PDB file of all heavy atoms in Angstrom:
ATOM      1  N   MET A   1       6.020 -19.146  23.914  1.00  0.00           N
ATOM      2  CA  MET A   1       6.493 -17.857  23.457  1.00  0.00           C
ATOM      3  C   MET A   1       6.358 -17.754  21.949  1.00  0.00           C
ATOM      4  O   MET A   1       6.714 -18.669  21.230  1.00  0.00           O
ATOM      5  CB  MET A   1       7.953 -17.666  23.838  1.00  0.00           C
ATOM      6  CG  MET A   1       8.171 -17.250  25.252  1.00  0.00           C
ATOM      7  SD  MET A   1       9.856 -16.681  25.622  1.00  0.00           S
ATOM      8  CE  MET A   1      10.876 -17.509  24.455  1.00  0.00           C
ATOM      9  N   THR A   2       5.882 -16.613  21.530  1.00  0.00           N
ATOM     10  CA  THR A   2       5.696 -16.343  20.116  1.00  0.00           C
ATOM     11  C   THR A   2       6.503 -15.106  19.757  1.00  0.00           C
ATOM     12  O   THR A   2       6.651 -14.198  20.573  1.00  0.00           O
ATOM     13  CB  THR A   2       4.194 -16.115  19.812  1.00  0.00           C
ATOM     14  OG1 THR A   2       3.459 -17.270  20.253  1.00  0.00           O
ATOM     15  CG2 THR A   2       3.950 -15.908  18.340  1.00  0.00           C
ATOM     16  N   ASP A   3       7.014 -15.071  18.533  1.00  0.00           N
ATOM     17  CA  ASP A   3       7.799 -13.938  18.058  1.00  0.00           C
ATOM     18  C   ASP A   3       7.028 -13.198  16.978  1.00  0.00           C
ATOM     19  O   ASP A   3       6.425 -13.825  16.101  1.00  0.00           O
ATOM     20  CB  ASP A   3       9.134 -14.423  17.487  1.00  0.00           C
ATOM     21  CG  ASP A   3      10.043 -14.980  18.558  1.00  0.00           C
ATOM     22  OD1 ASP A   3      10.759 -14.177  19.177  1.00  0.00           O
ATOM     23  OD2 ASP A   3      10.024 -16.208  18.779  1.00  0.00           O
ATOM     24  N   TYR A   4       7.088 -11.867  17.053  1.00  0.00           N
ATOM     25  CA  TYR A   4       6.400 -11.005  16.100  1.00  0.00           C
ATOM     26  C   TYR A   4       7.356  -9.993  15.514  1.00  0.00           C
ATOM     27  O   TYR A   4       8.267  -9.517  16.194  1.00  0.00           O
ATOM     28  CB  TYR A   4       5.260 -10.244  16.782  1.00  0.00           C
ATOM     29  CG  TYR A   4       4.149 -11.116  17.276  1.00  0.00           C
ATOM     30  CD1 TYR A   4       4.176 -11.622  18.569  1.00  0.00           C
ATOM     31  CD2 TYR A   4       3.076 -11.451  16.461  1.00  0.00           C
ATOM     32  CE1 TYR A   4       3.150 -12.441  19.036  1.00  0.00           C
ATOM     33  CE2 TYR A   4       2.047 -12.259  16.924  1.00  0.00           C
ATOM     34  CZ  TYR A   4       2.091 -12.751  18.205  1.00  0.00           C
ATOM     35  OH  TYR A   4       1.083 -13.554  18.668  1.00  0.00           O
ATOM     36  N   LEU A   5       7.114  -9.633  14.254  1.00  0.00           N
ATOM     37  CA  LEU A   5       7.836  -8.555  13.599  1.00  0.00           C
ATOM     38  C   LEU A   5       6.868  -7.375  13.535  1.00  0.00           C
ATOM     39  O   LEU A   5       5.759  -7.507  13.012  1.00  0.00           O
ATOM     40  CB  LEU A   5       8.228  -8.994  12.183  1.00  0.00           C
ATOM     41  CG  LEU A   5       9.452  -8.385  11.543  1.00  0.00           C
ATOM     42  CD1 LEU A   5      10.700  -8.667  12.374  1.00  0.00           C
ATOM     43  CD2 LEU A   5       9.641  -8.950  10.142  1.00  0.00           C
ATOM     44  N   TYR A   6       7.301  -6.257  14.107  1.00  0.00           N
ATOM     45  CA  TYR A   6       6.438  -5.082  14.192  1.00  0.00           C
ATOM     46  C   TYR A   6       7.168  -3.877  13.611  1.00  0.00           C
ATOM     47  O   TYR A   6       8.268  -3.551  14.036  1.00  0.00           O
ATOM     48  CB  TYR A   6       6.041  -4.837  15.652  1.00  0.00           C
ATOM     49  CG  TYR A   6       5.122  -3.669  15.865  1.00  0.00           C
ATOM     50  CD1 TYR A   6       3.927  -3.556  15.171  1.00  0.00           C
ATOM     51  CD2 TYR A   6       5.428  -2.690  16.790  1.00  0.00           C
ATOM     52  CE1 TYR A   6       3.069  -2.488  15.379  1.00  0.00           C
ATOM     53  CE2 TYR A   6       4.577  -1.617  17.014  1.00  0.00           C
ATOM     54  CZ  TYR A   6       3.401  -1.524  16.298  1.00  0.00           C
ATOM     55  OH  TYR A   6       2.559  -0.465  16.506  1.00  0.00           O
ATOM     56  N   TYR A   7       6.538  -3.232  12.647  1.00  0.00           N
ATOM     57  CA  TYR A   7       7.145  -2.113  11.932  1.00  0.00           C
ATOM     58  C   TYR A   7       6.900  -0.795  12.652  1.00  0.00           C
ATOM     59  O   TYR A   7       5.764  -0.466  12.989  1.00  0.00           O
ATOM     60  CB  TYR A   7       6.577  -2.031  10.500  1.00  0.00           C
ATOM     61  CG  TYR A   7       7.261  -1.002   9.658  1.00  0.00           C
ATOM     62  CD1 TYR A   7       8.435  -1.307   8.986  1.00  0.00           C
ATOM     63  CD2 TYR A   7       6.752   0.282   9.537  1.00  0.00           C
ATOM     64  CE1 TYR A   7       9.080  -0.364   8.206  1.00  0.00           C
ATOM     65  CE2 TYR A   7       7.390   1.231   8.759  1.00  0.00           C
ATOM     66  CZ  TYR A   7       8.554   0.901   8.098  1.00  0.00           C
ATOM     67  OH  TYR A   7       9.195   1.840   7.333  1.00  0.00           O
ATOM     68  N   TRP A   8       7.979  -0.055  12.890  1.00  0.00           N
ATOM     69  CA  TRP A   8       7.899   1.310  13.410  1.00  0.00           C
ATOM     70  C   TRP A   8       8.313   2.254  12.308  1.00  0.00           C
ATOM     71  O   TRP A   8       9.293   1.999  11.597  1.00  0.00           O
ATOM     72  CB  TRP A   8       8.876   1.503  14.572  1.00  0.00           C
ATOM     73  CG  TRP A   8       8.325   1.279  15.925  1.00  0.00           C
ATOM     74  CD1 TRP A   8       7.090   0.829  16.257  1.00  0.00           C
ATOM     75  CD2 TRP A   8       9.014   1.491  17.153  1.00  0.00           C
ATOM     76  NE1 TRP A   8       6.978   0.750  17.622  1.00  0.00           N
ATOM     77  CE2 TRP A   8       8.142   1.147  18.182  1.00  0.00           C
ATOM     78  CE3 TRP A   8      10.291   1.925  17.477  1.00  0.00           C
ATOM     79  CZ2 TRP A   8       8.492   1.237  19.521  1.00  0.00           C
ATOM     80  CZ3 TRP A   8      10.644   2.011  18.808  1.00  0.00           C
ATOM     81  CH2 TRP A   8       9.751   1.679  19.823  1.00  0.00           C
ATOM     82  N   LYS A   9       7.613   3.367  12.187  1.00  0.00           N
ATOM     83  CA  LYS A   9       8.033   4.396  11.246  1.00  0.00           C
ATOM     84  C   LYS A   9       9.351   4.986  11.746  1.00  0.00           C
ATOM     85  O   LYS A   9       9.615   5.034  12.941  1.00  0.00           O
ATOM     86  CB  LYS A   9       6.974   5.485  11.142  1.00  0.00           C
ATOM     87  CG  LYS A   9       5.686   4.997  10.512  1.00  0.00           C
ATOM     88  CD  LYS A   9       4.670   6.097  10.448  1.00  0.00           C
ATOM     89  CE  LYS A   9       3.384   5.570   9.851  1.00  0.00           C
ATOM     90  NZ  LYS A   9       2.308   6.566   9.899  1.00  0.00           N
ATOM     91  N   MET A  10      10.156   5.450  10.819  1.00  0.00           N
ATOM     92  CA  MET A  10      11.458   6.015  11.174  1.00  0.00           C
ATOM     93  C   MET A  10      11.308   7.179  12.157  1.00  0.00           C
ATOM     94  O   MET A  10      12.168   7.378  13.020  1.00  0.00           O
ATOM     95  CB  MET A  10      12.213   6.453   9.915  1.00  0.00           C
ATOM     96  CG  MET A  10      13.605   6.984  10.197  1.00  0.00           C
ATOM     97  SD  MET A  10      14.698   5.886  11.140  1.00  0.00           S
ATOM     98  CE  MET A  10      15.307   4.833   9.855  1.00  0.00           C
ATOM     99  N   ASP A  11      10.221   7.944  12.070  1.00  0.00           N
ATOM    100  CA  ASP A  11      10.002   9.051  13.014  1.00  0.00           C
ATOM    101  C   ASP A  11       9.969   8.552  14.461  1.00  0.00           C
ATOM    102  O   ASP A  11      10.487   9.207  15.353  1.00  0.00           O
ATOM    103  CB  ASP A  11       8.694   9.780  12.699  1.00  0.00           C
ATOM    104  CG  ASP A  11       8.758  10.574  11.410  1.00  0.00           C
ATOM    105  OD1 ASP A  11       9.871  10.764  10.887  1.00  0.00           O
ATOM    106  OD2 ASP A  11       7.698  11.000  10.925  1.00  0.00           O
ATOM    107  N   GLU A  12       9.330   7.393  14.688  1.00  0.00           N
ATOM    108  CA  GLU A  12       9.268   6.827  16.036  1.00  0.00           C
ATOM    109  C   GLU A  12      10.666   6.446  16.516  1.00  0.00           C
ATOM    110  O   GLU A  12      11.036   6.698  17.657  1.00  0.00           O
ATOM    111  CB  GLU A  12       8.366   5.595  16.056  1.00  0.00           C
ATOM    112  CG  GLU A  12       6.909   5.894  15.767  1.00  0.00           C
ATOM    113  CD  GLU A  12       6.088   4.639  15.625  1.00  0.00           C
ATOM    114  OE1 GLU A  12       5.960   3.895  16.622  1.00  0.00           O
ATOM    115  OE2 GLU A  12       5.584   4.394  14.512  1.00  0.00           O
ATOM    116  N   VAL A  13      11.439   5.836  15.625  1.00  0.00           N
ATOM    117  CA  VAL A  13      12.795   5.426  15.963  1.00  0.00           C
ATOM    118  C   VAL A  13      13.637   6.646  16.311  1.00  0.00           C
ATOM    119  O   VAL A  13      14.336   6.674  17.326  1.00  0.00           O
ATOM    120  CB  VAL A  13      13.435   4.628  14.801  1.00  0.00           C
ATOM    121  CG1 VAL A  13      14.899   4.329  15.067  1.00  0.00           C
ATOM    122  CG2 VAL A  13      12.655   3.347  14.544  1.00  0.00           C
ATOM    123  N   LYS A  14      13.549   7.673  15.477  1.00  0.00           N
ATOM    124  CA  LYS A  14      14.323   8.893  15.711  1.00  0.00           C
ATOM    125  C   LYS A  14      13.930   9.559  17.029  1.00  0.00           C
ATOM    126  O   LYS A  14      14.783  10.111  17.728  1.00  0.00           O
ATOM    127  CB  LYS A  14      14.156   9.864  14.550  1.00  0.00           C
ATOM    128  CG  LYS A  14      14.901   9.422  13.311  1.00  0.00           C
ATOM    129  CD  LYS A  14      14.700  10.408  12.172  1.00  0.00           C
ATOM    130  CE  LYS A  14      15.465   9.978  10.935  1.00  0.00           C
ATOM    131  NZ  LYS A  14      15.260  10.885   9.808  1.00  0.00           N
ATOM    132  N   THR A  15      12.642   9.509  17.381  1.00  0.00           N
ATOM    133  CA  THR A  15      12.191  10.091  18.647  1.00  0.00           C
ATOM    134  C   THR A  15      12.849   9.375  19.819  1.00  0.00           C
ATOM    135  O   THR A  15      13.348  10.014  20.743  1.00  0.00           O
ATOM    136  CB  THR A  15      10.657  10.021  18.769  1.00  0.00           C
ATOM    137  OG1 THR A  15      10.083  10.797  17.712  1.00  0.00           O
ATOM    138  CG2 THR A  15      10.174  10.554  20.103  1.00  0.00           C
ATOM    139  N   TYR A  16      12.853   8.055  19.809  1.00  0.00           N
ATOM    140  CA  TYR A  16      13.508   7.285  20.867  1.00  0.00           C
ATOM    141  C   TYR A  16      14.998   7.627  20.954  1.00  0.00           C
ATOM    142  O   TYR A  16      15.538   7.847  22.031  1.00  0.00           O
ATOM    143  CB  TYR A  16      13.356   5.779  20.633  1.00  0.00           C
ATOM    144  CG  TYR A  16      12.233   5.143  21.392  1.00  0.00           C
ATOM    145  CD1 TYR A  16      10.974   5.023  20.838  1.00  0.00           C
ATOM    146  CD2 TYR A  16      12.428   4.651  22.673  1.00  0.00           C
ATOM    147  CE1 TYR A  16       9.933   4.421  21.530  1.00  0.00           C
ATOM    148  CE2 TYR A  16      11.403   4.047  23.379  1.00  0.00           C
ATOM    149  CZ  TYR A  16      10.160   3.946  22.800  1.00  0.00           C
ATOM    150  OH  TYR A  16       9.136   3.346  23.494  1.00  0.00           O
ATOM    151  N   ILE A  17      15.657   7.673  19.800  1.00  0.00           N
ATOM    152  CA  ILE A  17      17.085   7.962  19.782  1.00  0.00           C
ATOM    153  C   ILE A  17      17.347   9.379  20.287  1.00  0.00           C
ATOM    154  O   ILE A  17      18.239   9.601  21.107  1.00  0.00           O
ATOM    155  CB  ILE A  17      17.673   7.737  18.366  1.00  0.00           C
ATOM    156  CG1 ILE A  17      17.634   6.243  18.019  1.00  0.00           C
ATOM    157  CG2 ILE A  17      19.092   8.289  18.267  1.00  0.00           C
ATOM    158  CD1 ILE A  17      17.975   5.925  16.573  1.00  0.00           C
ATOM    159  N   HIS A  18      16.560  10.344  19.805  1.00  0.00           N
ATOM    160  CA  HIS A  18      16.737  11.739  20.212  1.00  0.00           C
ATOM    161  C   HIS A  18      16.542  11.919  21.718  1.00  0.00           C
ATOM    162  O   HIS A  18      17.284  12.644  22.368  1.00  0.00           O
ATOM    163  CB  HIS A  18      15.762  12.638  19.446  1.00  0.00           C
ATOM    164  CG  HIS A  18      15.822  14.076  19.844  1.00  0.00           C
ATOM    165  ND1 HIS A  18      16.871  14.896  19.489  1.00  0.00           N
ATOM    166  CD2 HIS A  18      14.979  14.827  20.586  1.00  0.00           C
ATOM    167  CE1 HIS A  18      16.657  16.098  19.995  1.00  0.00           C
ATOM    168  NE2 HIS A  18      15.521  16.079  20.660  1.00  0.00           N
ATOM    169  N   ARG A  19      15.567  11.229  22.283  1.00  0.00           N
ATOM    170  CA  ARG A  19      15.299  11.329  23.721  1.00  0.00           C
ATOM    171  C   ARG A  19      16.268  10.487  24.548  1.00  0.00           C
ATOM    172  O   ARG A  19      16.253  10.548  25.765  1.00  0.00           O
ATOM    173  CB  ARG A  19      13.875  10.874  24.023  1.00  0.00           C
ATOM    174  CG  ARG A  19      12.801  11.784  23.493  1.00  0.00           C
ATOM    175  CD  ARG A  19      11.447  11.232  23.868  1.00  0.00           C
ATOM    176  NE  ARG A  19      10.367  12.029  23.342  1.00  0.00           N
ATOM    177  CZ  ARG A  19       9.080  11.698  23.431  1.00  0.00           C
ATOM    178  NH1 ARG A  19       8.731  10.557  24.036  1.00  0.00           N
ATOM    179  NH2 ARG A  19       8.155  12.463  22.930  1.00  0.00           N
ATOM    180  N   ASN A  20      17.081   9.663  23.870  1.00  0.00           N
ATOM    181  CA  ASN A  20      18.021   8.764  24.537  1.00  0.00           C
ATOM    182  C   ASN A  20      17.304   7.845  25.537  1.00  0.00           C
ATOM    183  O   ASN A  20      17.802   7.563  26.616  1.00  0.00           O
ATOM    184  CB  ASN A  20      19.135   9.551  25.225  1.00  0.00           C
ATOM    185  CG  ASN A  20      20.338   8.689  25.528  1.00  0.00           C
ATOM    186  OD1 ASN A  20      20.618   7.724  24.824  1.00  0.00           O
ATOM    187  ND2 ASN A  20      21.048   9.017  26.588  1.00  0.00           N
ATOM    188  N   GLU A  21      16.118   7.400  25.147  1.00  0.00           N
ATOM    189  CA  GLU A  21      15.305   6.544  26.012  1.00  0.00           C
ATOM    190  C   GLU A  21      15.660   5.076  25.831  1.00  0.00           C
ATOM    191  O   GLU A  21      16.081   4.653  24.764  1.00  0.00           O
ATOM    192  CB  GLU A  21      13.815   6.716  25.685  1.00  0.00           C
ATOM    193  CG  GLU A  21      13.252   8.050  26.054  1.00  0.00           C
ATOM    194  CD  GLU A  21      11.756   8.144  25.762  1.00  0.00           C
ATOM    195  OE1 GLU A  21      11.142   7.135  25.352  1.00  0.00           O
ATOM    196  OE2 GLU A  21      11.198   9.230  25.942  1.00  0.00           O
ATOM    197  N   THR A  22      15.432   4.324  26.888  1.00  0.00           N
ATOM    198  CA  THR A  22      15.533   2.877  26.768  1.00  0.00           C
ATOM    199  C   THR A  22      14.207   2.366  26.200  1.00  0.00           C
ATOM    200  O   THR A  22      13.163   3.027  26.314  1.00  0.00           O
ATOM    201  CB  THR A  22      15.820   2.215  28.129  1.00  0.00           C
ATOM    202  OG1 THR A  22      14.848   2.634  29.070  1.00  0.00           O
ATOM    203  CG2 THR A  22      17.216   2.564  28.614  1.00  0.00           C
ATOM    204  N   LEU A  23      14.250   1.199  25.608  1.00  0.00           N
ATOM    205  CA  LEU A  23      13.056   0.600  25.013  1.00  0.00           C
ATOM    206  C   LEU A  23      12.249  -0.070  26.118  1.00  0.00           C
ATOM    207  O   LEU A  23      12.391  -1.258  26.373  1.00  0.00           O
ATOM    208  CB  LEU A  23      13.448  -0.410  23.928  1.00  0.00           C
ATOM    209  CG  LEU A  23      12.304  -1.115  23.233  1.00  0.00           C
ATOM    210  CD1 LEU A  23      11.365  -0.121  22.561  1.00  0.00           C
ATOM    211  CD2 LEU A  23      12.846  -2.102  22.208  1.00  0.00           C
ATOM    212  N   ASP A  24      11.427   0.718  26.790  1.00  0.00           N
ATOM    213  CA  ASP A  24      10.649   0.222  27.919  1.00  0.00           C
ATOM    214  C   ASP A  24       9.249  -0.233  27.526  1.00  0.00           C
ATOM    215  O   ASP A  24       8.604  -0.958  28.279  1.00  0.00           O
ATOM    216  CB  ASP A  24      10.542   1.306  28.994  1.00  0.00           C
ATOM    217  CG  ASP A  24      11.887   1.658  29.583  1.00  0.00           C
ATOM    218  OD1 ASP A  24      12.815   0.836  29.495  1.00  0.00           O
ATOM    219  OD2 ASP A  24      12.025   2.766  30.134  1.00  0.00           O
ATOM    220  N   TYR A  25       8.789   0.195  26.360  1.00  0.00           N
ATOM    221  CA  TYR A  25       7.430  -0.152  25.943  1.00  0.00           C
ATOM    222  C   TYR A  25       7.288   0.025  24.438  1.00  0.00           C
ATOM    223  O   TYR A  25       8.112   0.670  23.793  1.00  0.00           O
ATOM    224  CB  TYR A  25       6.400   0.739  26.651  1.00  0.00           C
ATOM    225  CG  TYR A  25       6.395   2.161  26.138  1.00  0.00           C
ATOM    226  CD1 TYR A  25       5.488   2.556  25.152  1.00  0.00           C
ATOM    227  CD2 TYR A  25       7.307   3.100  26.601  1.00  0.00           C
ATOM    228  CE1 TYR A  25       5.501   3.854  24.661  1.00  0.00           C
ATOM    229  CE2 TYR A  25       7.325   4.391  26.121  1.00  0.00           C
ATOM    230  CZ  TYR A  25       6.411   4.764  25.146  1.00  0.00           C
ATOM    231  OH  TYR A  25       6.432   6.044  24.643  1.00  0.00           O
ATOM    232  N   ALA A  26       6.242  -0.533  23.916  1.00  0.00           N
ATOM    233  CA  ALA A  26       5.784  -0.272  22.553  1.00  0.00           C
ATOM    234  C   ALA A  26       4.264  -0.232  22.637  1.00  0.00           C
ATOM    235  O   ALA A  26       3.667  -0.873  23.505  1.00  0.00           O
ATOM    236  CB  ALA A  26       6.243  -1.350  21.587  1.00  0.00           C
ATOM    237  N   ALA A  27       3.656   0.529  21.757  1.00  0.00           N
ATOM    238  CA  ALA A  27       2.203   0.672  21.778  1.00  0.00           C
ATOM    239  C   ALA A  27       1.634   0.391  20.394  1.00  0.00           C
ATOM    240  O   ALA A  27       2.243   0.740  19.389  1.00  0.00           O
ATOM    241  CB  ALA A  27       1.828   2.088  22.217  1.00  0.00           C
ATOM    242  N   SER A  28       0.483  -0.266  20.370  1.00  0.00           N
ATOM    243  CA  SER A  28      -0.150  -0.578  19.091  1.00  0.00           C
ATOM    244  C   SER A  28      -1.604  -0.965  19.289  1.00  0.00           C
ATOM    245  O   SER A  28      -1.972  -1.530  20.316  1.00  0.00           O
ATOM    246  CB  SER A  28       0.568  -1.744  18.414  1.00  0.00           C
ATOM    247  OG  SER A  28      -0.077  -2.107  17.211  1.00  0.00           O
ATOM    248  N   LYS A  29      -2.391  -0.710  18.275  1.00  0.00           N
ATOM    249  CA  LYS A  29      -3.764  -1.207  18.270  1.00  0.00           C
ATOM    250  C   LYS A  29      -3.804  -2.656  17.790  1.00  0.00           C
ATOM    251  O   LYS A  29      -4.829  -3.314  17.877  1.00  0.00           O
ATOM    252  CB  LYS A  29      -4.658  -0.314  17.410  1.00  0.00           C
ATOM    253  CG  LYS A  29      -4.244  -0.236  15.972  1.00  0.00           C
ATOM    254  CD  LYS A  29      -5.119   0.731  15.207  1.00  0.00           C
ATOM    255  CE  LYS A  29      -4.605   0.868  13.778  1.00  0.00           C
ATOM    256  NZ  LYS A  29      -5.310   1.868  13.026  1.00  0.00           N
ATOM    257  N   GLN A  30      -2.655  -3.178  17.317  1.00  0.00           N
ATOM    258  CA  GLN A  30      -2.612  -4.535  16.776  1.00  0.00           C
ATOM    259  C   GLN A  30      -2.281  -5.619  17.798  1.00  0.00           C
ATOM    260  O   GLN A  30      -2.506  -6.797  17.535  1.00  0.00           O
ATOM    261  CB  GLN A  30      -1.569  -4.612  15.655  1.00  0.00           C
ATOM    262  CG  GLN A  30      -1.898  -3.767  14.443  1.00  0.00           C
ATOM    263  CD  GLN A  30      -0.879  -3.979  13.355  1.00  0.00           C
ATOM    264  OE1 GLN A  30      -0.628  -5.103  12.924  1.00  0.00           O
ATOM    265  NE2 GLN A  30      -0.272  -2.895  12.895  1.00  0.00           N
ATOM    266  N   PHE A  31      -1.733  -5.266  18.942  1.00  0.00           N
ATOM    267  CA  PHE A  31      -1.276  -6.282  19.884  1.00  0.00           C
ATOM    268  C   PHE A  31      -2.384  -7.256  20.281  1.00  0.00           C
ATOM    269  O   PHE A  31      -2.165  -8.461  20.320  1.00  0.00           O
ATOM    270  CB  PHE A  31      -0.654  -5.656  21.127  1.00  0.00           C
ATOM    271  CG  PHE A  31       0.642  -4.915  20.881  1.00  0.00           C
ATOM    272  CD1 PHE A  31       1.099  -3.985  21.783  1.00  0.00           C
ATOM    273  CD2 PHE A  31       1.407  -5.152  19.752  1.00  0.00           C
ATOM    274  CE1 PHE A  31       2.299  -3.300  21.582  1.00  0.00           C
ATOM    275  CE2 PHE A  31       2.602  -4.478  19.520  1.00  0.00           C
ATOM    276  CZ  PHE A  31       3.043  -3.549  20.446  1.00  0.00           C
ATOM    277  N   VAL A  32      -3.557  -6.746  20.573  1.00  0.00           N
ATOM    278  CA  VAL A  32      -4.665  -7.615  20.988  1.00  0.00           C
ATOM    279  C   VAL A  32      -5.176  -8.440  19.798  1.00  0.00           C
ATOM    280  O   VAL A  32      -5.323  -9.655  19.900  1.00  0.00           O
ATOM    281  CB  VAL A  32      -5.809  -6.793  21.619  1.00  0.00           C
ATOM    282  CG1 VAL A  32      -7.027  -7.664  21.884  1.00  0.00           C
ATOM    283  CG2 VAL A  32      -5.332  -6.134  22.914  1.00  0.00           C
ATOM    284  N   SER A  33      -5.407  -7.774  18.670  1.00  0.00           N
ATOM    285  CA  SER A  33      -5.968  -8.484  17.510  1.00  0.00           C
ATOM    286  C   SER A  33      -5.023  -9.552  16.953  1.00  0.00           C
ATOM    287  O   SER A  33      -5.471 -10.543  16.384  1.00  0.00           O
ATOM    288  CB  SER A  33      -6.348  -7.495  16.404  1.00  0.00           C
ATOM    289  OG  SER A  33      -5.201  -6.848  15.885  1.00  0.00           O
ATOM    290  N   LYS A  34      -3.724  -9.381  17.133  1.00  0.00           N
ATOM    291  CA  LYS A  34      -2.753 -10.363  16.636  1.00  0.00           C
ATOM    292  C   LYS A  34      -2.452 -11.453  17.662  1.00  0.00           C
ATOM    293  O   LYS A  34      -1.723 -12.394  17.366  1.00  0.00           O
ATOM    294  CB  LYS A  34      -1.450  -9.672  16.214  1.00  0.00           C
ATOM    295  CG  LYS A  34      -1.622  -8.730  15.038  1.00  0.00           C
ATOM    296  CD  LYS A  34      -2.033  -9.471  13.786  1.00  0.00           C
ATOM    297  CE  LYS A  34      -2.150  -8.519  12.611  1.00  0.00           C
ATOM    298  NZ  LYS A  34      -2.485  -9.197  11.373  1.00  0.00           N
ATOM    299  N   GLY A  35      -2.984 -11.317  18.875  1.00  0.00           N
ATOM    300  CA  GLY A  35      -2.828 -12.373  19.873  1.00  0.00           C
ATOM    301  C   GLY A  35      -1.560 -12.315  20.696  1.00  0.00           C
ATOM    302  O   GLY A  35      -1.112 -13.339  21.213  1.00  0.00           O
ATOM    303  N   VAL A  36      -0.958 -11.134  20.825  1.00  0.00           N
ATOM    304  CA  VAL A  36       0.260 -11.003  21.632  1.00  0.00           C
ATOM    305  C   VAL A  36      -0.063 -11.329  23.087  1.00  0.00           C
ATOM    306  O   VAL A  36      -1.081 -10.896  23.627  1.00  0.00           O
ATOM    307  CB  VAL A  36       0.849  -9.578  21.509  1.00  0.00           C
ATOM    308  CG1 VAL A  36       2.032  -9.390  22.450  1.00  0.00           C
ATOM    309  CG2 VAL A  36       1.257  -9.294  20.070  1.00  0.00           C
ATOM    310  N   ASN A  37       0.817 -12.105  23.726  1.00  0.00           N
ATOM    311  CA  ASN A  37       0.650 -12.523  25.119  1.00  0.00           C
ATOM    312  C   ASN A  37       1.901 -12.210  25.930  1.00  0.00           C
ATOM    313  O   ASN A  37       2.946 -11.869  25.371  1.00  0.00           O
ATOM    314  CB  ASN A  37       0.378 -14.032  25.199  1.00  0.00           C
ATOM    315  CG  ASN A  37      -0.978 -14.388  24.660  1.00  0.00           C
ATOM    316  OD1 ASN A  37      -1.994 -13.918  25.158  1.00  0.00           O
ATOM    317  ND2 ASN A  37      -1.000 -15.212  23.624  1.00  0.00           N
ATOM    318  N   LEU A  38       1.803 -12.406  27.232  1.00  0.00           N
ATOM    319  CA  LEU A  38       2.952 -12.238  28.108  1.00  0.00           C
ATOM    320  C   LEU A  38       4.061 -13.199  27.677  1.00  0.00           C
ATOM    321  O   LEU A  38       3.788 -14.317  27.224  1.00  0.00           O
ATOM    322  CB  LEU A  38       2.569 -12.505  29.557  1.00  0.00           C
ATOM    323  CG  LEU A  38       1.463 -11.623  30.129  1.00  0.00           C
ATOM    324  CD1 LEU A  38       1.241 -11.945  31.601  1.00  0.00           C
ATOM    325  CD2 LEU A  38       1.762 -10.150  29.942  1.00  0.00           C
ATOM    326  N   ASN A  39       5.295 -12.751  27.785  1.00  0.00           N
ATOM    327  CA  ASN A  39       6.502 -13.489  27.418  1.00  0.00           C
ATOM    328  C   ASN A  39       6.742 -13.628  25.917  1.00  0.00           C
ATOM    329  O   ASN A  39       7.727 -14.237  25.512  1.00  0.00           O
ATOM    330  CB  ASN A  39       6.560 -14.868  28.093  1.00  0.00           C
ATOM    331  CG  ASN A  39       6.576 -14.737  29.593  1.00  0.00           C
ATOM    332  OD1 ASN A  39       7.313 -13.914  30.138  1.00  0.00           O
ATOM    333  ND2 ASN A  39       5.752 -15.517  30.266  1.00  0.00           N
ATOM    334  N   ASP A  40       5.850 -13.088  25.092  1.00  0.00           N
ATOM    335  CA  ASP A  40       6.102 -13.064  23.656  1.00  0.00           C
ATOM    336  C   ASP A  40       7.191 -12.028  23.368  1.00  0.00           C
ATOM    337  O   ASP A  40       7.430 -11.121  24.177  1.00  0.00           O
ATOM    338  CB  ASP A  40       4.841 -12.694  22.875  1.00  0.00           C
ATOM    339  CG  ASP A  40       3.822 -13.822  22.832  1.00  0.00           C
ATOM    340  OD1 ASP A  40       4.158 -14.959  23.209  1.00  0.00           O
ATOM    341  OD2 ASP A  40       2.672 -13.551  22.421  1.00  0.00           O
ATOM    342  N   THR A  41       7.833 -12.160  22.226  1.00  0.00           N
ATOM    343  CA  THR A  41       8.862 -11.211  21.827  1.00  0.00           C
ATOM    344  C   THR A  41       8.387 -10.422  20.623  1.00  0.00           C
ATOM    345  O   THR A  41       7.887 -10.996  19.655  1.00  0.00           O
ATOM    346  CB  THR A  41      10.182 -11.937  21.476  1.00  0.00           C
ATOM    347  OG1 THR A  41      10.609 -12.665  22.631  1.00  0.00           O
ATOM    348  CG2 THR A  41      11.266 -10.957  21.067  1.00  0.00           C
TER     349      THR A  41
END
């Protein structure tokens, strides 16, 4: 397991909060290039 720090713009955070959504996913063009794998955090 590997841990990553990933920056979200405040607009993204506010959208999640406004929609009252659970954190079910995150999307990025960096996940593959940075080597993110299953079970990573």
